[in-house]
Amino acid sequence: MNEMSFLTEDHLRFRDNLRRFIDTEVVPKADAWEETGMVPREVLRQLGELGYLGIRYPATYGGAELDTVYSAILAEELGRSSYGGFAVTVLVHTDMASPHLGNFGSPEQLARWMPGIIAGTTICAVAVTEPDAGSDVAGIKTRAVRDGDHYVLTGSKMFITNGVHGDLYFVAAKTDTTVKGSRGISIFAVEKGTPGFEIGHPGPKMGGRGVAEVELFFDHCRVPVENLIMAGDPNSTRSFKRLMSSFGPERVGNAAMCLGVAQGAYELARSYSLERKQFGKPICEFQGIQWKVADMATQIHAARLMIYRAATNLVDGFPDPLEAAYAKLYANEMVQRVTNEALQIHGHYGFTREFPLERMVRDSRGFSLGGGTTEILRNTIAAIVYGRAFDQRKG
């Protein structure tokens, strides 16, 4: 496929430099991270020093001021590493958590936190999901009550990536519990060590083992008023729509990560099929294998076109919601098909931990659970193509 149709020479140099870093500094070491459930902070600082954590942010704070295509390349190469936990650690920091500050922070807030975020010395997490509110973001119950110069947060969050090793948490809370639906939801920056803020213990997971997910607890946690990033408007859904707009880059990043994982699995399967012999000849000479590889290549190509289309088609600075939903939905399901077929081509070897495919299959199953499930994405697409919303929580 002709990458030059959407990647410039500068894009390709960026990709090649990043790929070299991952091949030398990540792949040889990441098995140990899978065991500890943690990407060392030094690796994140290295990524920051090389400019990979501030791709779209202003140069004033150390950012590179590049476009969304570069972010998609970052996500794709992180996925291609085959270590989903590592990829998610970085992308939560760059594409899920810090954009709340980058998009809605005041000049004072940006000056306070953004340099450390870009440098990789301040690690971010985003805390929206709750025990009773996952896809239903408008249904969150964590509340924040104004008390003088502070807001008092009470509630809990769960499945929070980077929760254990984060320094700064962007927490969604209801600042007006008298209104219904999506009104009155605000975002607060909560720093680790704030009294009343406790971090739970990580539990075992099927995939993404290189990063822990935990519960967060807010027991009358006092957060300074100046840490309010985005104030929820009780009289309209405007604030909620601004909050949801941040999911666009996240969805494109998630899709690009899936693309990278699928590309890596395809490369492994193609290479193995050329080497593995059965019945006196390489298995690539059997039509059954050829068709599998052809289908994998076709699906990867289709996903790449969708993803880079979404990365370049911006509306008010964010990926078009429909394009982002298309890309994430297709990529989430495509990566599961491709990694499973790659494992099948490897036979029982693929089922062992001598090869990375069993990990890639496990990790891939989790990509469709965050940033909008495949069911939510279908709802989003249906709402747009029908020209009306199917929101049952209007208010």
Protein backbone atom coordinates (compact mmCIF):
# COMPACT_ATOMS: atom_id res chain seq x y z
CA MET A 1 0.00 0.00 0.00
CA ASN A 2 1.17 3.52 -0.75
CA GLU A 3 1.70 5.25 2.59
CA MET A 4 2.75 8.41 0.80
CA SER A 5 -0.86 9.06 -0.11
CA PHE A 6 -1.44 10.45 3.36
CA LEU A 7 2.00 10.58 5.03
CA THR A 8 4.60 13.18 4.13
CA GLU A 9 8.36 12.72 4.35
CA ASP A 10 8.24 14.46 7.74
CA HIS A 11 5.57 12.01 8.93
CA LEU A 12 7.68 9.07 7.79
CA ARG A 13 10.81 10.38 9.55
CA PHE A 14 8.78 10.85 12.72
CA ARG A 15 7.47 7.28 12.43
CA ASP A 16 10.88 5.76 11.74
CA ASN A 17 12.52 7.53 14.69
CA LEU A 18 9.72 6.45 17.01
CA ARG A 19 9.90 2.89 15.71
CA ARG A 20 13.63 2.74 16.44
CA PHE A 21 13.04 3.93 20.00
CA ILE A 22 10.34 1.32 20.60
CA ASP A 23 12.43 -1.47 19.06
CA THR A 24 15.44 -0.66 21.25
CA GLU A 25 13.97 0.73 24.49
CA VAL A 26 10.59 -0.98 24.78
CA VAL A 27 10.34 -4.37 23.07
CA PRO A 28 13.42 -5.93 24.77
CA LYS A 29 12.24 -4.84 28.21
CA ALA A 30 8.44 -4.89 28.18
CA ASP A 31 7.97 -8.51 29.26
CA ALA A 32 9.08 -7.43 32.73
CA TRP A 33 6.53 -4.59 32.67
CA GLU A 34 3.80 -7.11 31.98
CA GLU A 35 4.77 -8.89 35.20
CA THR A 36 4.95 -5.77 37.39
CA GLY A 37 1.91 -4.06 35.85
CA MET A 38 3.86 -0.83 35.39
CA VAL A 39 5.75 1.03 32.68
CA PRO A 40 8.79 2.59 34.38
CA ARG A 41 8.54 6.34 34.76
CA GLU A 42 11.95 6.69 33.16
CA VAL A 43 10.53 5.40 29.87
CA LEU A 44 7.81 8.06 29.98
CA ARG A 45 10.42 10.71 30.70
CA GLN A 46 12.40 9.50 27.70
CA LEU A 47 9.31 9.78 25.52
CA GLY A 48 8.81 13.28 26.87
CA GLU A 49 12.39 14.30 26.14
CA LEU A 50 11.97 13.09 22.56
CA GLY A 51 8.81 15.15 22.12
CA TYR A 52 6.27 12.33 21.87
CA LEU A 53 4.09 13.38 24.82
CA GLY A 54 3.29 16.89 23.61
CA ILE A 55 2.63 16.37 19.93
CA ARG A 56 -0.36 18.70 19.60
CA TYR A 57 0.41 21.07 22.48
CA PRO A 58 1.84 24.61 22.26
CA ALA A 59 5.57 25.19 22.11
CA THR A 60 5.15 27.61 25.03
CA TYR A 61 4.92 24.58 27.34
CA GLY A 62 7.39 22.39 25.45
CA GLY A 63 4.98 20.95 22.91
CA ALA A 64 5.63 20.26 19.24
CA GLU A 65 2.52 21.95 17.79
CA LEU A 66 2.02 19.14 15.26
CA ASP A 67 -1.24 17.85 13.81
CA THR A 68 -3.51 14.91 14.61
CA VAL A 69 -1.84 12.74 11.96
CA TYR A 70 1.31 12.67 14.09
CA SER A 71 -0.78 11.56 17.06
CA ALA A 72 -2.23 8.75 14.95
CA ILE A 73 1.28 7.67 13.96
CA LEU A 74 2.29 7.65 17.63
CA ALA A 75 -0.68 5.45 18.53
CA GLU A 76 -0.09 3.09 15.61
CA GLU A 77 3.56 2.56 16.48
CA LEU A 78 2.76 2.05 20.16
CA GLY A 79 0.29 -0.66 19.13
CA ARG A 80 2.77 -2.25 16.73
CA SER A 81 5.09 -2.84 19.71
CA SER A 82 2.68 -5.71 20.60
CA TYR A 83 2.53 -4.55 24.25
CA GLY A 84 -0.96 -3.23 24.84
CA GLY A 85 -0.29 -2.18 28.42
CA PHE A 86 2.58 0.04 27.34
CA ALA A 87 0.54 1.53 24.50
CA VAL A 88 -2.44 2.30 26.73
CA THR A 89 -0.23 3.84 29.43
CA VAL A 90 1.09 6.39 26.96
CA LEU A 91 -2.18 7.06 25.12
CA VAL A 92 -4.20 7.62 28.29
CA HIS A 93 -1.64 10.28 29.19
CA THR A 94 -1.51 11.94 25.76
CA ASP A 95 -4.95 11.39 24.22
CA MET A 96 -7.42 10.73 27.04
CA ALA A 97 -6.40 12.62 30.18
CA SER A 98 -4.24 15.63 29.31
CA PRO A 99 -6.57 16.89 26.52
CA HIS A 100 -9.03 17.98 29.21
CA LEU A 101 -6.40 20.43 30.40
CA GLY A 102 -5.14 21.21 26.91
CA ASN A 103 -8.61 21.96 25.55
CA PHE A 104 -10.28 23.66 28.51
CA GLY A 105 -7.59 24.76 30.96
CA SER A 106 -7.00 28.38 31.87
CA PRO A 107 -3.63 30.03 31.09
CA GLU A 108 -2.69 29.66 34.75
CA GLN A 109 -3.61 25.97 34.81
CA LEU A 110 -1.74 25.30 31.58
CA ALA A 111 1.38 27.01 32.89
CA ARG A 112 1.14 25.06 36.14
CA TRP A 113 0.75 21.53 34.81
CA MET A 114 1.35 21.29 31.07
CA PRO A 115 5.18 21.51 31.07
CA GLY A 116 5.42 18.47 33.37
CA ILE A 117 2.83 16.56 31.36
CA ILE A 118 4.74 17.15 28.13
CA ALA A 119 8.06 16.29 29.78
CA GLY A 120 6.71 13.03 31.18
CA THR A 121 7.38 14.02 34.78
CA THR A 122 3.69 14.50 35.61
CA ILE A 123 1.68 11.43 34.63
CA CYS A 124 -2.04 11.84 33.96
CA ALA A 125 -5.18 9.77 34.38
CA VAL A 126 -8.81 10.53 33.60
CA ALA A 127 -11.53 9.45 36.02
CA VAL A 128 -15.02 9.26 34.56
CA THR A 129 -16.19 5.62 34.86
CA GLU A 130 -18.02 4.60 38.03
CA PRO A 131 -19.55 1.35 39.33
CA ASP A 132 -22.97 2.40 37.98
CA ALA A 133 -21.89 4.71 35.14
CA GLY A 134 -19.70 3.46 32.32
CA SER A 135 -21.10 4.17 28.88
CA ASP A 136 -23.74 6.35 30.57
CA VAL A 137 -21.41 9.25 31.36
CA ALA A 138 -24.37 11.48 32.20
CA GLY A 139 -25.27 9.08 35.02
CA ILE A 140 -22.19 9.66 37.18
CA LYS A 141 -22.86 10.05 40.89
CA THR A 142 -19.59 11.51 42.17
CA ARG A 143 -20.48 14.98 43.41
CA ALA A 144 -18.59 18.20 44.13
CA VAL A 145 -20.02 20.77 46.51
CA ARG A 146 -18.62 24.30 46.78
CA ASP A 147 -17.35 25.17 50.25
CA GLY A 148 -15.58 28.52 50.32
CA ASP A 149 -12.34 28.33 48.36
CA HIS A 150 -12.70 24.58 47.81
CA TYR A 151 -14.95 21.99 46.26
CA VAL A 152 -15.62 18.89 48.33
CA LEU A 153 -15.61 15.73 46.19
CA THR A 154 -17.44 12.60 47.32
CA GLY A 155 -17.75 9.39 45.33
CA SER A 156 -15.71 6.73 43.58
CA LYS A 157 -14.34 5.81 40.16
CA MET A 158 -13.25 2.47 38.75
CA PHE A 159 -11.15 0.88 35.99
CA ILE A 160 -8.84 3.93 36.02
CA THR A 161 -5.78 3.41 33.84
CA ASN A 162 -2.58 5.02 35.21
CA GLY A 163 -4.46 5.22 38.49
CA VAL A 164 -1.67 3.70 40.56
CA HIS A 165 1.26 5.66 39.18
CA GLY A 166 -0.45 8.87 38.13
CA ASP A 167 0.28 12.30 39.53
CA LEU A 168 -2.66 14.30 38.20
CA TYR A 169 -6.23 13.04 37.77
CA PHE A 170 -8.93 14.72 35.71
CA VAL A 171 -12.09 13.81 37.60
CA ALA A 172 -15.65 14.21 36.36
CA ALA A 173 -18.15 15.15 39.07
CA LYS A 174 -21.62 16.58 39.38
CA THR A 175 -21.50 20.15 40.65
CA ASP A 176 -25.28 20.47 40.52
CA THR A 177 -27.20 17.38 41.57
CA THR A 178 -30.58 19.09 41.25
CA VAL A 179 -30.54 18.98 37.45
CA LYS A 180 -31.10 15.87 35.39
CA GLY A 181 -29.17 14.15 32.66
CA SER A 182 -25.98 15.62 31.31
CA ARG A 183 -26.21 19.05 32.91
CA GLY A 184 -23.97 20.21 35.72
CA ILE A 185 -20.99 17.87 35.09
CA SER A 186 -17.62 19.50 35.76
CA ILE A 187 -13.98 18.42 35.47
CA PHE A 188 -11.49 18.87 38.31
CA ALA A 189 -7.73 18.41 38.41
CA VAL A 190 -6.98 16.38 41.53
CA GLU A 191 -3.37 15.87 42.54
CA LYS A 192 -2.07 12.70 44.15
CA GLY A 193 -1.76 13.14 47.88
CA THR A 194 -4.78 15.41 48.25
CA PRO A 195 -6.42 14.61 51.63
CA GLY A 196 -9.51 12.48 51.19
CA PHE A 197 -8.28 11.02 47.90
CA GLU A 198 -7.34 7.34 48.07
CA ILE A 199 -6.19 4.90 45.41
CA GLY A 200 -7.36 1.28 45.50
CA HIS A 201 -5.40 -1.86 44.77
CA PRO A 202 -5.11 -3.15 41.20
CA GLY A 203 -6.85 -6.38 40.30
CA PRO A 204 -5.86 -9.08 37.78
CA LYS A 205 -6.90 -8.57 34.17
CA MET A 206 -7.20 -10.68 31.04
CA GLY A 207 -5.08 -8.30 28.96
CA GLY A 208 -3.27 -5.00 29.11
CA ARG A 209 -1.25 -6.36 31.98
CA GLY A 210 1.52 -3.81 31.59
CA VAL A 211 -0.65 -1.16 33.22
CA ALA A 212 -2.78 -1.39 36.34
CA GLU A 213 -6.41 -0.29 36.60
CA VAL A 214 -7.75 0.70 39.99
CA GLU A 215 -10.62 2.23 41.91
CA LEU A 216 -10.35 5.79 43.17
CA PHE A 217 -12.12 6.96 46.30
CA PHE A 218 -13.05 10.53 47.22
CA ASP A 219 -14.11 10.89 50.84
CA HIS A 220 -14.86 14.58 51.39
CA CYS A 221 -11.82 15.36 49.30
CA ARG A 222 -11.13 19.10 49.33
CA VAL A 223 -9.99 20.43 45.96
CA PRO A 224 -9.09 24.12 45.52
CA VAL A 225 -11.46 26.15 43.37
CA GLU A 226 -8.59 26.99 41.03
CA ASN A 227 -8.41 23.28 40.13
CA LEU A 228 -11.79 23.45 38.38
CA ILE A 229 -10.94 22.80 34.72
CA MET A 230 -14.38 22.92 33.16
CA ALA A 231 -17.47 24.16 34.97
CA GLY A 232 -20.67 22.26 34.28
CA ASP A 233 -23.56 24.46 33.15
CA PRO A 234 -26.79 23.44 34.95
CA ASN A 235 -28.87 25.34 32.41
CA SER A 236 -27.71 23.60 29.24
CA THR A 237 -25.89 20.55 27.89
CA ARG A 238 -23.12 22.71 26.42
CA SER A 239 -20.54 21.69 29.04
CA PHE A 240 -21.36 18.03 28.58
CA LYS A 241 -20.95 18.36 24.82
CA ARG A 242 -17.55 19.98 25.38
CA LEU A 243 -16.61 17.09 27.66
CA MET A 244 -17.71 14.52 25.09
CA SER A 245 -15.82 16.29 22.30
CA SER A 246 -12.59 15.17 23.98
CA PHE A 247 -13.50 11.59 23.13
CA GLY A 248 -12.88 12.29 19.42
CA PRO A 249 -9.05 12.30 19.58
CA GLU A 250 -9.21 9.39 22.03
CA ARG A 251 -11.26 7.34 19.58
CA VAL A 252 -8.88 8.05 16.71
CA GLY A 253 -5.93 7.17 18.96
CA ASN A 254 -7.57 3.96 20.09
CA ALA A 255 -8.30 3.02 16.47
CA ALA A 256 -4.72 3.77 15.42
CA MET A 257 -3.40 1.63 18.29
CA CYS A 258 -5.60 -1.23 17.04
CA LEU A 259 -4.20 -0.68 13.57
CA GLY A 260 -0.66 -0.99 14.91
CA VAL A 261 -1.44 -4.22 16.75
CA ALA A 262 -3.08 -5.67 13.64
CA GLN A 263 -0.16 -4.59 11.46
CA GLY A 264 2.27 -6.28 13.83
CA ALA A 265 0.21 -9.48 13.92
CA TYR A 266 -0.04 -9.49 10.12
CA GLU A 267 3.73 -9.09 9.75
CA LEU A 268 4.34 -11.97 12.15
CA ALA A 269 1.85 -14.22 10.34
CA ARG A 270 3.17 -13.42 6.88
CA SER A 271 6.77 -14.03 7.94
CA TYR A 272 5.88 -17.28 9.70
CA SER A 273 3.91 -18.58 6.72
CA LEU A 274 6.99 -18.15 4.52
CA GLU A 275 9.16 -20.16 6.92
CA ARG A 276 6.87 -22.87 8.32
CA LYS A 277 6.78 -26.04 6.23
CA GLN A 278 4.12 -28.73 6.19
CA PHE A 279 3.62 -31.52 3.68
CA GLY A 280 6.97 -30.65 2.16
CA LYS A 281 6.35 -26.98 1.33
CA PRO A 282 5.91 -23.57 3.04
CA ILE A 283 2.38 -23.11 4.33
CA CYS A 284 2.13 -19.85 2.37
CA GLU A 285 1.64 -22.02 -0.71
CA PHE A 286 -1.67 -23.34 0.60
CA GLN A 287 -4.66 -21.35 -0.59
CA GLY A 288 -6.28 -21.45 2.82
CA ILE A 289 -3.33 -19.54 4.31
CA GLN A 290 -3.13 -17.18 1.35
CA TRP A 291 -6.76 -16.19 1.78
CA LYS A 292 -6.27 -15.52 5.48
CA VAL A 293 -3.30 -13.26 4.79
CA ALA A 294 -5.15 -11.52 1.95
CA ASP A 295 -8.14 -10.84 4.19
CA MET A 296 -5.87 -9.51 6.93
CA ALA A 297 -4.08 -7.17 4.54
CA THR A 298 -7.38 -5.90 3.12
CA GLN A 299 -8.88 -5.17 6.53
CA ILE A 300 -5.72 -3.39 7.70
CA HIS A 301 -5.71 -1.25 4.57
CA ALA A 302 -9.37 -0.31 5.05
CA ALA A 303 -8.77 0.58 8.71
CA ARG A 304 -5.75 2.70 7.84
CA LEU A 305 -7.73 4.74 5.32
CA MET A 306 -10.55 5.28 7.83
CA ILE A 307 -8.21 6.26 10.65
CA TYR A 308 -6.09 8.72 8.74
CA ARG A 309 -9.21 10.18 7.15
CA ALA A 310 -10.54 10.79 10.68
CA ALA A 311 -7.19 12.26 11.75
CA THR A 312 -7.29 14.83 8.95
CA ASN A 313 -11.01 15.67 8.91
CA LEU A 314 -11.35 18.06 11.84
CA VAL A 315 -14.38 20.02 13.03
CA ASP A 316 -13.60 22.90 15.41
CA GLY A 317 -10.20 21.34 16.02
CA PHE A 318 -11.56 17.88 16.90
CA PRO A 319 -11.91 14.81 14.67
CA ASP A 320 -15.34 14.70 13.05
CA PRO A 321 -17.51 12.61 15.45
CA LEU A 322 -18.85 10.38 12.68
CA GLU A 323 -15.42 9.73 11.15
CA ALA A 324 -13.97 8.98 14.60
CA ALA A 325 -16.81 6.58 15.40
CA TYR A 326 -16.46 4.81 12.05
CA ALA A 327 -12.73 4.39 12.57
CA LYS A 328 -12.88 3.11 16.15
CA LEU A 329 -15.77 0.72 15.51
CA TYR A 330 -14.13 -0.86 12.49
CA ALA A 331 -10.64 -0.99 14.02
CA ASN A 332 -11.87 -2.48 17.33
CA GLU A 333 -13.48 -5.40 15.53
CA MET A 334 -10.82 -5.69 12.83
CA VAL A 335 -7.96 -6.11 15.30
CA GLN A 336 -9.70 -9.03 17.00
CA ARG A 337 -10.21 -10.79 13.66
CA VAL A 338 -6.64 -10.19 12.50
CA THR A 339 -4.90 -11.23 15.72
CA ASN A 340 -7.02 -14.38 15.92
CA GLU A 341 -6.21 -15.32 12.33
CA ALA A 342 -2.51 -14.62 12.92
CA LEU A 343 -2.58 -16.95 15.91
CA GLN A 344 -4.37 -19.58 13.82
CA ILE A 345 -1.66 -19.40 11.15
CA HIS A 346 0.94 -20.02 13.84
CA GLY A 347 -0.97 -23.05 15.09
CA HIS A 348 -0.20 -24.14 18.62
CA TYR A 349 3.00 -22.10 18.59
CA GLY A 350 0.82 -18.99 18.58
CA PHE A 351 -0.95 -20.27 21.70
CA THR A 352 2.30 -20.36 23.65
CA ARG A 353 4.07 -17.45 25.30
CA GLU A 354 7.12 -18.03 23.13
CA PHE A 355 5.33 -15.89 20.56
CA PRO A 356 3.66 -12.51 21.25
CA LEU A 357 0.37 -13.46 19.60
CA GLU A 358 -1.39 -14.85 22.68
CA ARG A 359 -0.73 -11.51 24.39
CA MET A 360 -1.90 -9.56 21.34
CA VAL A 361 -5.14 -11.56 21.22
CA ARG A 362 -5.77 -10.91 24.93
CA ASP A 363 -4.94 -7.22 24.69
CA SER A 364 -7.05 -6.72 21.58
CA ARG A 365 -10.18 -7.88 23.34
CA GLY A 366 -10.01 -4.93 25.71
CA PHE A 367 -9.65 -2.17 23.13
CA SER A 368 -13.38 -2.13 22.36
CA LEU A 369 -14.32 -1.50 26.00
CA GLY A 370 -12.86 1.99 26.54
CA GLY A 371 -13.50 5.32 24.85
CA GLY A 372 -16.88 4.17 23.62
CA THR A 373 -17.85 0.51 23.35
CA THR A 374 -18.76 -0.92 19.97
CA GLU A 375 -22.40 -0.73 21.04
CA ILE A 376 -22.12 2.96 21.95
CA LEU A 377 -20.28 3.66 18.69
CA ARG A 378 -23.11 2.07 16.74
CA ASN A 379 -25.56 4.25 18.65
CA THR A 380 -23.47 7.32 17.81
CA ILE A 381 -23.32 6.43 14.14
CA ALA A 382 -27.04 5.68 14.01
CA ALA A 383 -27.89 8.98 15.70
CA ILE A 384 -25.84 10.91 13.15
CA VAL A 385 -26.97 9.07 10.03
CA TYR A 386 -30.60 9.31 11.12
CA GLY A 387 -30.11 12.99 11.85
CA ARG A 388 -31.38 12.80 15.40
CA ALA A 389 -30.11 11.66 18.79
CA PHE A 390 -31.36 8.58 20.63
CA ASP A 391 -30.48 9.99 24.04
CA GLN A 392 -32.77 8.62 26.71
CA ARG A 393 -31.25 10.84 29.37
CA LYS A 394 -32.27 14.24 28.09
CA GLY A 395 -32.44 17.06 30.50
